[in-house]
C-alpha atoms as a PDB file:
ATOM      1  CA  MET A   1      96.686 107.572 131.420  1.00  0.00           C
ATOM      2  CA  GLY A   2      97.523 104.105 131.853  1.00  0.00           C
ATOM      3  CA  GLU A   3      94.129 103.252 132.798  1.00  0.00           C
ATOM      4  CA  THR A   4      92.669 105.354 130.032  1.00  0.00           C
ATOM      5  CA  VAL A   5      89.943 103.610 127.677  1.00  0.00           C
ATOM      6  CA  ILE A   6      90.905 104.542 123.807  1.00  0.00           C
ATOM      7  CA  GLY A   7      88.566 104.266 121.209  1.00  0.00           C
ATOM      8  CA  PHE A   8      89.401 104.338 117.671  1.00  0.00           C
ATOM      9  CA  ILE A   9      87.534 105.161 114.587  1.00  0.00           C
ATOM     10  CA  GLY A  10      88.666 104.771 110.864  1.00  0.00           C
ATOM     11  CA  LEU A  11      90.953 101.747 110.318  1.00  0.00           C
ATOM     12  CA  GLY A  12      92.208 102.571 106.930  1.00  0.00           C
ATOM     13  CA  VAL A  13      95.648 102.925 105.316  1.00  0.00           C
ATOM     14  CA  MET A  14      96.803 104.755 108.244  1.00  0.00           C
ATOM     15  CA  GLY A  15      94.110 104.093 111.221  1.00  0.00           C
ATOM     16  CA  GLU A  16      94.836 100.337 111.397  1.00  0.00           C
ATOM     17  CA  PRO A  17      98.416 100.560 112.214  1.00  0.00           C
ATOM     18  CA  MET A  18      97.926 103.534 114.454  1.00  0.00           C
ATOM     19  CA  CYS A  19      95.416 101.681 116.275  1.00  0.00           C
ATOM     20  CA  ARG A  20      97.795  98.577 116.404  1.00  0.00           C
ATOM     21  CA  ASN A  21     100.264 100.710 117.936  1.00  0.00           C
ATOM     22  CA  LEU A  22      98.407 102.094 120.593  1.00  0.00           C
ATOM     23  CA  ARG A  23      97.880  98.524 121.944  1.00  0.00           C
ATOM     24  CA  GLU A  24     100.879  97.132 121.583  1.00  0.00           C
ATOM     25  CA  ARG A  25     103.214 100.017 122.093  1.00  0.00           C
ATOM     26  CA  GLY A  26     101.141 101.695 124.552  1.00  0.00           C
ATOM     27  CA  GLY A  27      99.160  98.811 126.597  1.00  0.00           C
ATOM     28  CA  TYR A  28      96.325 100.630 126.290  1.00  0.00           C
ATOM     29  CA  ARG A  29      92.590  98.983 126.355  1.00  0.00           C
ATOM     30  CA  VAL A  30      91.528  99.798 122.799  1.00  0.00           C
ATOM     31  CA  LEU A  31      88.284  99.964 121.256  1.00  0.00           C
ATOM     32  CA  ALA A  32      87.746  99.894 117.456  1.00  0.00           C
ATOM     33  CA  PHE A  33      85.137 100.577 114.984  1.00  0.00           C
ATOM     34  CA  ASP A  34      85.317 100.739 110.918  1.00  0.00           C
ATOM     35  CA  ARG A  35      82.391  99.988 108.541  1.00  0.00           C
ATOM     36  CA  ASP A  36      84.572  97.763 106.916  1.00  0.00           C
ATOM     37  CA  PRO A  37      84.911  94.654 109.385  1.00  0.00           C
ATOM     38  CA  ALA A  38      88.275  93.455 107.953  1.00  0.00           C
ATOM     39  CA  PRO A  39      90.500  95.472 109.767  1.00  0.00           C
ATOM     40  CA  VAL A  40      88.737  95.100 112.768  1.00  0.00           C
ATOM     41  CA  GLN A  41      89.225  91.347 112.609  1.00  0.00           C
ATOM     42  CA  ARG A  42      92.829  91.920 112.193  1.00  0.00           C
ATOM     43  CA  LEU A  43      93.311  93.965 115.129  1.00  0.00           C
ATOM     44  CA  ALA A  44      91.625  91.388 116.964  1.00  0.00           C
ATOM     45  CA  GLY A  45      94.601  89.302 117.095  1.00  0.00           C
ATOM     46  CA  ALA A  46      96.782  92.406 118.717  1.00  0.00           C
ATOM     47  CA  GLY A  47      93.923  92.495 121.676  1.00  0.00           C
ATOM     48  CA  VAL A  48      91.974  95.221 120.069  1.00  0.00           C
ATOM     49  CA  GLU A  49      88.277  95.022 121.128  1.00  0.00           C
ATOM     50  CA  ALA A  50      85.484  95.536 118.393  1.00  0.00           C
ATOM     51  CA  ALA A  51      82.660  97.948 119.172  1.00  0.00           C
ATOM     52  CA  ALA A  52      79.269  97.455 117.848  1.00  0.00           C
ATOM     53  CA  SER A  53      78.808 100.903 116.758  1.00  0.00           C
ATOM     54  CA  THR A  54      80.310 104.833 116.762  1.00  0.00           C
ATOM     55  CA  GLY A  55      78.199 105.265 119.647  1.00  0.00           C
ATOM     56  CA  ALA A  56      78.801 102.576 121.664  1.00  0.00           C
ATOM     57  CA  LEU A  57      82.413 102.964 121.176  1.00  0.00           C
ATOM     58  CA  VAL A  58      81.988 106.687 122.397  1.00  0.00           C
ATOM     59  CA  ARG A  59      79.820 105.818 125.372  1.00  0.00           C
ATOM     60  CA  ALA A  60      83.025 103.448 126.290  1.00  0.00           C
ATOM     61  CA  SER A  61      85.653 105.365 125.985  1.00  0.00           C
ATOM     62  CA  ASP A  62      87.601 108.208 127.805  1.00  0.00           C
ATOM     63  CA  VAL A  63      89.789 109.334 124.934  1.00  0.00           C
ATOM     64  CA  VAL A  64      88.259 109.104 121.205  1.00  0.00           C
ATOM     65  CA  LEU A  65      90.895 109.321 118.073  1.00  0.00           C
ATOM     66  CA  VAL A  66      89.209 109.380 114.695  1.00  0.00           C
ATOM     67  CA  SER A  67      91.238 108.857 111.492  1.00  0.00           C
ATOM     68  CA  LEU A  68      88.799 109.428 108.493  1.00  0.00           C
ATOM     69  CA  PRO A  69      89.132 110.229 105.222  1.00  0.00           C
ATOM     70  CA  SER A  70      88.171 113.838 104.578  1.00  0.00           C
ATOM     71  CA  GLY A  71      86.476 116.680 106.572  1.00  0.00           C
ATOM     72  CA  GLN A  72      82.955 115.775 105.002  1.00  0.00           C
ATOM     73  CA  VAL A  73      83.209 112.221 106.462  1.00  0.00           C
ATOM     74  CA  LEU A  74      84.026 113.468 109.888  1.00  0.00           C
ATOM     75  CA  GLU A  75      81.478 116.101 110.076  1.00  0.00           C
ATOM     76  CA  GLN A  76      78.682 113.534 109.177  1.00  0.00           C
ATOM     77  CA  LEU A  77      80.147 111.224 111.679  1.00  0.00           C
ATOM     78  CA  ALA A  78      80.085 113.822 114.629  1.00  0.00           C
ATOM     79  CA  ARG A  79      76.637 115.359 113.608  1.00  0.00           C
ATOM     80  CA  ASP A  80      75.048 111.510 112.945  1.00  0.00           C
ATOM     81  CA  ALA A  81      72.430 110.558 115.495  1.00  0.00           C
ATOM     82  CA  ASP A  82      74.221 108.300 117.741  1.00  0.00           C
ATOM     83  CA  GLY A  83      77.326 109.501 116.553  1.00  0.00           C
ATOM     84  CA  LEU A  84      80.227 111.334 118.203  1.00  0.00           C
ATOM     85  CA  LEU A  85      78.829 114.450 119.217  1.00  0.00           C
ATOM     86  CA  ASP A  86      75.280 112.886 120.886  1.00  0.00           C
ATOM     87  CA  ASN A  87      77.610 110.559 123.027  1.00  0.00           C
ATOM     88  CA  LEU A  88      80.032 112.750 124.397  1.00  0.00           C
ATOM     89  CA  ARG A  89      80.171 113.257 128.187  1.00  0.00           C
ATOM     90  CA  PRO A  90      82.234 115.879 130.049  1.00  0.00           C
ATOM     91  CA  GLY A  91      85.661 115.352 130.704  1.00  0.00           C
ATOM     92  CA  GLN A  92      86.061 113.193 127.322  1.00  0.00           C
ATOM     93  CA  MET A  93      88.538 114.073 124.732  1.00  0.00           C
ATOM     94  CA  LEU A  94      87.778 113.878 120.959  1.00  0.00           C
ATOM     95  CA  VAL A  95      90.878 114.048 119.143  1.00  0.00           C
ATOM     96  CA  ASP A  96      91.196 114.111 115.241  1.00  0.00           C
ATOM     97  CA  LEU A  97      93.977 112.393 113.541  1.00  0.00           C
ATOM     98  CA  GLY A  98      92.951 112.983 109.912  1.00  0.00           C
ATOM     99  CA  THR A  99      93.308 116.253 107.726  1.00  0.00           C
ATOM    100  CA  SER A 100      90.145 118.299 108.297  1.00  0.00           C
ATOM    101  CA  PRO A 101      89.247 122.064 107.323  1.00  0.00           C
ATOM    102  CA  VAL A 102      90.410 124.625 109.826  1.00  0.00           C
ATOM    103  CA  ALA A 103      87.055 126.197 110.207  1.00  0.00           C
ATOM    104  CA  LEU A 104      85.451 122.629 110.781  1.00  0.00           C
ATOM    105  CA  THR A 105      87.752 121.909 113.384  1.00  0.00           C
ATOM    106  CA  ARG A 106      86.761 125.173 115.255  1.00  0.00           C
ATOM    107  CA  GLU A 107      82.972 124.308 114.767  1.00  0.00           C
ATOM    108  CA  LEU A 108      83.922 121.055 116.372  1.00  0.00           C
ATOM    109  CA  ALA A 109      85.791 122.102 119.302  1.00  0.00           C
ATOM    110  CA  ALA A 110      83.174 124.584 120.198  1.00  0.00           C
ATOM    111  CA  ALA A 111      80.533 121.807 120.236  1.00  0.00           C
ATOM    112  CA  CYS A 112      82.509 119.591 122.286  1.00  0.00           C
ATOM    113  CA  MET A 113      83.318 122.663 124.800  1.00  0.00           C
ATOM    114  CA  ARG A 114      79.717 122.954 124.934  1.00  0.00           C
ATOM    115  CA  ARG A 115      79.236 119.575 126.142  1.00  0.00           C
ATOM    116  CA  GLY A 116      81.979 119.552 128.793  1.00  0.00           C
ATOM    117  CA  ALA A 117      84.473 117.563 126.482  1.00  0.00           C
ATOM    118  CA  ARG A 118      87.832 118.795 124.992  1.00  0.00           C
ATOM    119  CA  TYR A 119      88.686 118.682 121.259  1.00  0.00           C
ATOM    120  CA  LEU A 120      92.272 118.257 119.732  1.00  0.00           C
ATOM    121  CA  ASP A 121      93.220 118.284 116.038  1.00  0.00           C
ATOM    122  CA  ALA A 122      96.130 116.364 115.690  1.00  0.00           C
ATOM    123  CA  PRO A 123      96.932 115.273 112.403  1.00  0.00           C
ATOM    124  CA  VAL A 124      99.553 113.001 111.005  1.00  0.00           C
ATOM    125  CA  ALA A 125     102.205 113.056 108.459  1.00  0.00           C
ATOM    126  CA  ARG A 126     104.555 110.368 106.764  1.00  0.00           C
ATOM    127  CA  THR A 127     104.015 107.287 105.078  1.00  0.00           C
ATOM    128  CA  ARG A 128     101.868 104.104 106.120  1.00  0.00           C
ATOM    129  CA  ALA A 129     105.633 102.422 106.797  1.00  0.00           C
ATOM    130  CA  ALA A 130     106.301 105.347 109.298  1.00  0.00           C
ATOM    131  CA  ALA A 131     102.555 104.328 110.703  1.00  0.00           C
ATOM    132  CA  GLU A 132     103.499 100.600 111.204  1.00  0.00           C
ATOM    133  CA  ALA A 133     106.811 101.740 112.848  1.00  0.00           C
ATOM    134  CA  GLY A 134     105.174 104.241 115.063  1.00  0.00           C
ATOM    135  CA  THR A 135     107.326 107.101 113.781  1.00  0.00           C
ATOM    136  CA  LEU A 136     104.799 109.492 112.484  1.00  0.00           C
ATOM    137  CA  SER A 137     104.978 113.288 112.766  1.00  0.00           C
ATOM    138  CA  VAL A 138     101.867 114.627 114.493  1.00  0.00           C
ATOM    139  CA  MET A 139     101.128 118.471 114.618  1.00  0.00           C
ATOM    140  CA  VAL A 140      98.786 119.429 117.123  1.00  0.00           C
ATOM    141  CA  GLY A 141      96.294 122.218 117.879  1.00  0.00           C
ATOM    142  CA  GLY A 142      94.596 122.709 121.374  1.00  0.00           C
ATOM    143  CA  ASP A 143      95.247 124.221 124.733  1.00  0.00           C
ATOM    144  CA  ALA A 144      98.763 123.313 126.705  1.00  0.00           C
ATOM    145  CA  GLU A 145      96.845 121.279 129.348  1.00  0.00           C
ATOM    146  CA  ALA A 146      94.819 119.004 126.757  1.00  0.00           C
ATOM    147  CA  PHE A 147      98.039 118.659 124.731  1.00  0.00           C
ATOM    148  CA  ALA A 148     100.002 117.467 127.905  1.00  0.00           C
ATOM    149  CA  ASP A 149      97.596 115.059 128.477  1.00  0.00           C
ATOM    150  CA  ILE A 150      97.516 113.642 125.070  1.00  0.00           C
ATOM    151  CA  GLU A 151     101.278 113.519 124.581  1.00  0.00           C
ATOM    152  CA  PRO A 152     101.796 110.047 126.143  1.00  0.00           C
ATOM    153  CA  LEU A 153      99.111 108.453 123.936  1.00  0.00           C
ATOM    154  CA  LEU A 154     100.652 110.084 120.609  1.00  0.00           C
ATOM    155  CA  ALA A 155     104.164 108.995 121.287  1.00  0.00           C
ATOM    156  CA  CYS A 156     102.689 105.174 120.448  1.00  0.00           C
ATOM    157  CA  ILE A 157     102.179 106.329 117.050  1.00  0.00           C
ATOM    158  CA  ALA A 158     104.531 109.220 116.305  1.00  0.00           C
ATOM    159  CA  SER A 159     108.364 110.010 117.006  1.00  0.00           C
ATOM    160  CA  GLU A 160     107.694 113.957 116.393  1.00  0.00           C
ATOM    161  CA  ILE A 161     104.907 115.408 118.243  1.00  0.00           C
ATOM    162  CA  THR A 162     104.579 119.126 117.614  1.00  0.00           C
ATOM    163  CA  HIS A 163     102.192 121.830 119.846  1.00  0.00           C
ATOM    164  CA  CYS A 164     101.265 124.147 116.872  1.00  0.00           C
ATOM    165  CA  GLY A 165      99.014 126.327 118.887  1.00  0.00           C
ATOM    166  CA  ALA A 166      95.485 126.906 119.664  1.00  0.00           C
ATOM    167  CA  VAL A 167      92.534 124.703 118.305  1.00  0.00           C
ATOM    168  CA  GLY A 168      92.818 124.541 114.285  1.00  0.00           C
ATOM    169  CA  ALA A 169      96.503 125.397 114.174  1.00  0.00           C
ATOM    170  CA  GLY A 170      97.547 121.620 113.893  1.00  0.00           C
ATOM    171  CA  GLN A 171      95.142 121.213 110.741  1.00  0.00           C
ATOM    172  CA  LEU A 172      96.779 124.309 109.367  1.00  0.00           C
ATOM    173  CA  THR A 173      99.994 123.379 109.771  1.00  0.00           C
ATOM    174  CA  LYS A 174      99.340 120.018 107.985  1.00  0.00           C
ATOM    175  CA  ILE A 175      97.651 121.394 105.402  1.00  0.00           C
ATOM    176  CA  LEU A 176     100.318 123.945 104.319  1.00  0.00           C
ATOM    177  CA  ASN A 177     102.638 121.160 105.022  1.00  0.00           C
ATOM    178  CA  ASN A 178     100.762 119.084 102.563  1.00  0.00           C
ATOM    179  CA  MET A 179     100.800 122.209 100.002  1.00  0.00           C
ATOM    180  CA  VAL A 180     104.063 122.522  99.767  1.00  0.00           C
ATOM    181  CA  LEU A 181     104.958 118.874  99.494  1.00  0.00           C
ATOM    182  CA  PHE A 182     102.628 118.789  96.216  1.00  0.00           C
ATOM    183  CA  GLU A 183     104.402 121.559  94.915  1.00  0.00           C
ATOM    184  CA  THR A 184     107.322 119.970  95.201  1.00  0.00           C
ATOM    185  CA  VAL A 185     106.884 116.902  93.978  1.00  0.00           C
ATOM    186  CA  ALA A 186     105.262 118.596  90.755  1.00  0.00           C
ATOM    187  CA  ALA A 187     108.867 120.404  90.675  1.00  0.00           C
ATOM    188  CA  LEU A 188     110.641 117.175  90.886  1.00  0.00           C
ATOM    189  CA  SER A 189     108.479 115.681  88.024  1.00  0.00           C
ATOM    190  CA  GLU A 190     109.442 118.534  85.819  1.00  0.00           C
ATOM    191  CA  ALA A 191     112.840 117.991  86.752  1.00  0.00           C
ATOM    192  CA  CYS A 192     112.767 114.304  86.045  1.00  0.00           C
ATOM    193  CA  ALA A 193     111.113 114.803  82.613  1.00  0.00           C
ATOM    194  CA  VAL A 194     113.911 117.214  81.283  1.00  0.00           C
ATOM    195  CA  ALA A 195     116.427 114.598  82.763  1.00  0.00           C
ATOM    196  CA  ARG A 196     114.995 112.002  80.744  1.00  0.00           C
ATOM    197  CA  ALA A 197     114.509 113.937  77.549  1.00  0.00           C
ATOM    198  CA  SER A 198     117.922 115.142  77.984  1.00  0.00           C
ATOM    199  CA  GLY A 199     119.424 111.652  78.416  1.00  0.00           C
ATOM    200  CA  MET A 200     119.959 111.533  81.967  1.00  0.00           C
ATOM    201  CA  ASP A 201     118.971 108.923  84.195  1.00  0.00           C
ATOM    202  CA  PRO A 202     116.208 110.764  86.263  1.00  0.00           C
ATOM    203  CA  ALA A 203     117.649 108.505  89.321  1.00  0.00           C
ATOM    204  CA  ARG A 204     121.110 109.470  88.921  1.00  0.00           C
ATOM    205  CA  LEU A 205     119.822 113.263  88.761  1.00  0.00           C
ATOM    206  CA  LEU A 206     117.910 113.025  91.858  1.00  0.00           C
ATOM    207  CA  GLU A 207     120.650 111.058  94.089  1.00  0.00           C
ATOM    208  CA  THR A 208     122.982 113.896  93.512  1.00  0.00           C
ATOM    209  CA  LEU A 209     120.354 116.948  93.934  1.00  0.00           C
ATOM    210  CA  SER A 210     119.833 115.217  97.306  1.00  0.00           C
ATOM    211  CA  LYS A 211     123.573 115.838  98.212  1.00  0.00           C
ATOM    212  CA  GLY A 212     122.868 119.474  97.542  1.00  0.00           C
ATOM    213  CA  SER A 213     120.625 122.676  98.336  1.00  0.00           C
ATOM    214  CA  ALA A 214     117.644 121.040  96.298  1.00  0.00           C
ATOM    215  CA  ASP A 215     117.622 117.890  98.748  1.00  0.00           C
ATOM    216  CA  SER A 216     114.100 117.466 100.519  1.00  0.00           C
ATOM    217  CA  PHE A 217     112.041 114.904 102.603  1.00  0.00           C
ATOM    218  CA  ALA A 218     109.933 115.053  98.988  1.00  0.00           C
ATOM    219  CA  LEU A 219     113.225 114.232  96.979  1.00  0.00           C
ATOM    220  CA  ARG A 220     114.442 111.238  98.895  1.00  0.00           C
ATOM    221  CA  HIS A 221     111.035 109.233  99.192  1.00  0.00           C
ATOM    222  CA  HIS A 222     108.749 110.739  96.481  1.00  0.00           C
ATOM    223  CA  GLY A 223     111.385 111.539  94.195  1.00  0.00           C
ATOM    224  CA  LEU A 224     113.618 108.458  94.503  1.00  0.00           C
ATOM    225  CA  LYS A 225     111.104 105.531  95.549  1.00  0.00           C
ATOM    226  CA  ALA A 226     108.274 106.619  93.237  1.00  0.00           C
ATOM    227  CA  ILE A 227     109.058 109.415  90.509  1.00  0.00           C
ATOM    228  CA  ALA A 228     112.356 107.760  89.303  1.00  0.00           C
ATOM    229  CA  PRO A 229     111.478 104.378  89.119  1.00  0.00           C
ATOM    230  CA  GLN A 230     107.911 105.111  88.611  1.00  0.00           C
ATOM    231  CA  ARG A 231     106.425 103.151  90.626  1.00  0.00           C
ATOM    232  CA  PHE A 232     102.700 104.199  92.112  1.00  0.00           C
ATOM    233  CA  PRO A 233     101.304 101.624  94.516  1.00  0.00           C
ATOM    234  CA  LEU A 234      97.411 101.661  95.521  1.00  0.00           C
ATOM    235  CA  ARG A 235      96.399 101.708  99.070  1.00  0.00           C
ATOM    236  CA  ALA A 236      99.320 104.569  99.320  1.00  0.00           C
ATOM    237  CA  PHE A 237      98.236 108.784  99.384  1.00  0.00           C
ATOM    238  CA  SER A 238      96.308 108.931  96.213  1.00  0.00           C
ATOM    239  CA  VAL A 239      95.559 111.667  94.006  1.00  0.00           C
ATOM    240  CA  GLU A 240      92.355 111.984  95.041  1.00  0.00           C
ATOM    241  CA  TYR A 241      93.496 112.609  98.671  1.00  0.00           C
ATOM    242  CA  ALA A 242      96.080 114.722  98.108  1.00  0.00           C
ATOM    243  CA  ARG A 243      93.422 117.016  96.015  1.00  0.00           C
ATOM    244  CA  LYS A 244      91.160 117.186  98.901  1.00  0.00           C
ATOM    245  CA  ASP A 245      94.088 118.054 101.016  1.00  0.00           C
ATOM    246  CA  LEU A 246      94.939 120.954  98.508  1.00  0.00           C
ATOM    247  CA  ALA A 247      91.410 122.281  98.263  1.00  0.00           C
ATOM    248  CA  TYR A 248      91.877 122.927 101.997  1.00  0.00           C
ATOM    249  CA  ALA A 249      94.857 124.721 101.378  1.00  0.00           C
ATOM    250  CA  ILE A 250      93.801 126.919  98.445  1.00  0.00           C
ATOM    251  CA  GLU A 251      90.428 127.697 100.409  1.00  0.00           C
ATOM    252  CA  LEU A 252      92.667 128.922 103.336  1.00  0.00           C
ATOM    253  CA  ALA A 253      94.701 131.242 100.604  1.00  0.00           C
ATOM    254  CA  THR A 254      91.647 132.394  99.332  1.00  0.00           C
ATOM    255  CA  GLN A 255      90.379 133.620 102.666  1.00  0.00           C
ATOM    256  CA  ALA A 256      93.627 135.190 103.415  1.00  0.00           C
ATOM    257  CA  GLY A 257      93.652 136.943 100.271  1.00  0.00           C
ATOM    258  CA  ILE A 258      96.652 135.183  99.006  1.00  0.00           C
ATOM    259  CA  ASP A 259      96.972 134.526  95.115  1.00  0.00           C
ATOM    260  CA  ALA A 260      98.631 130.530  95.768  1.00  0.00           C
ATOM    261  CA  GLU A 261      99.335 130.364  92.270  1.00  0.00           C
ATOM    262  CA  GLY A 262     101.623 127.433  92.812  1.00  0.00           C
ATOM    263  CA  ALA A 263      98.797 125.490  94.513  1.00  0.00           C
ATOM    264  CA  GLN A 264      96.410 126.117  92.095  1.00  0.00           C
ATOM    265  CA  ARG A 265      98.666 124.954  89.197  1.00  0.00           C
ATOM    266  CA  VAL A 266      99.183 121.637  90.828  1.00  0.00           C
ATOM    267  CA  ASP A 267      95.165 121.443  91.333  1.00  0.00           C
ATOM    268  CA  ARG A 268      94.948 121.724  87.604  1.00  0.00           C
ATOM    269  CA  LEU A 269      97.735 118.645  87.450  1.00  0.00           C
ATOM    270  CA  PHE A 270      95.821 116.754  90.035  1.00  0.00           C
ATOM    271  CA  ALA A 271      92.531 117.234  87.743  1.00  0.00           C
ATOM    272  CA  ARG A 272      94.233 115.897  84.821  1.00  0.00           C
ATOM    273  CA  ALA A 273      95.488 113.132  86.656  1.00  0.00           C
ATOM    274  CA  ILE A 274      92.031 112.123  87.942  1.00  0.00           C
ATOM    275  CA  ALA A 275      90.526 112.366  84.627  1.00  0.00           C
ATOM    276  CA  ALA A 276      93.089 110.259  83.237  1.00  0.00           C
ATOM    277  CA  GLY A 277      91.893 107.510  85.523  1.00  0.00           C
ATOM    278  CA  LEU A 278      95.129 107.669  87.749  1.00  0.00           C
ATOM    279  CA  GLY A 279      93.207 109.298  90.749  1.00  0.00           C
ATOM    280  CA  ASP A 280      93.509 106.377  93.173  1.00  0.00           C
ATOM    281  CA  GLN A 281      97.141 105.902  92.607  1.00  0.00           C
ATOM    282  CA  TYR A 282      99.843 107.376  94.451  1.00  0.00           C
ATOM    283  CA  PHE A 283     100.005 110.800  93.986  1.00  0.00           C
ATOM    284  CA  PRO A 284     103.483 111.058  92.414  1.00  0.00           C
ATOM    285  CA  VAL A 285     101.903 109.383  89.753  1.00  0.00           C
ATOM    286  CA  VAL A 286     101.282 113.036  88.194  1.00  0.00           C
ATOM    287  CA  SER A 287     104.622 112.804  86.862  1.00  0.00           C
ATOM    288  CA  ARG A 288     103.353 110.774  83.971  1.00  0.00           C
ATOM    289  CA  LEU A 289     101.508 113.476  82.964  1.00  0.00           C
ATOM    290  CA  VAL A 290     104.996 115.540  82.675  1.00  0.00           C
ATOM    291  CA  ARG A 291     106.115 114.920  78.965  1.00  0.00           C
ATOM    292  CA  ALA A 292     108.870 116.624  76.854  1.00  0.00           C
ATOM    293  CA  ASP A 293     106.516 116.084  73.696  1.00  0.00           C
ATOM    294  CA  ARG A 294     103.618 117.922  75.192  1.00  0.00           C
END
């Protein structure tokens, strides 16, 4: 795939560093498009070329990667006139790096197949720092041959690449990963609130828990780096984005006949945070709503 032309759409918090790594670490010719010209201009310094439009990018690329904020945005871009689907040609590959509903994923994969193109769902996990370092985790859904073709490209942005199964399996895995993460962050928020109200430093609590059976990625990253010090930066994974992903999980649970009470409870916590004006902050900010005096 050394001569492959890569098109990248969506240069947000995660998309911009991923796009840069494809160029700098992979040496690919990379075309980029975003409605905001600022990240496109920044990437020009790394040798990334600007595309005039979505359609122009798709027509000039062999593999098209999209990193968008929601399935709704992806669907609109896919079906727009001069969007993704209208410009696909046989042999191309369309890869969704964002988190999208499983049903939409399968619909878009079928639409690509009718055009002779291939579709992979490859949502990424971990932080912006991991995106910058090229150490993301990618969960891929699609046929084995397509996965083998795309794996060297994904290695430019990720240190963990897992083929989860057929189309939709990557999204299913990512959505459930996030459901577990959000519920864990809610539990950590409660633990820290109890510790603080009982006269113990929450940071000391979490440091000690990290040495035992309660240890987790969420504890070491979201707990120690955000909840304990109460640091919730902007341009991180916001409450609004988290609630969007959790809605996908709740929808899947409903379809499966599962009463996901933990997820429903976290959804209510997210809703309260948004109502309190915290929707654009890093999602562990929900810990501020867990108080001993409530």
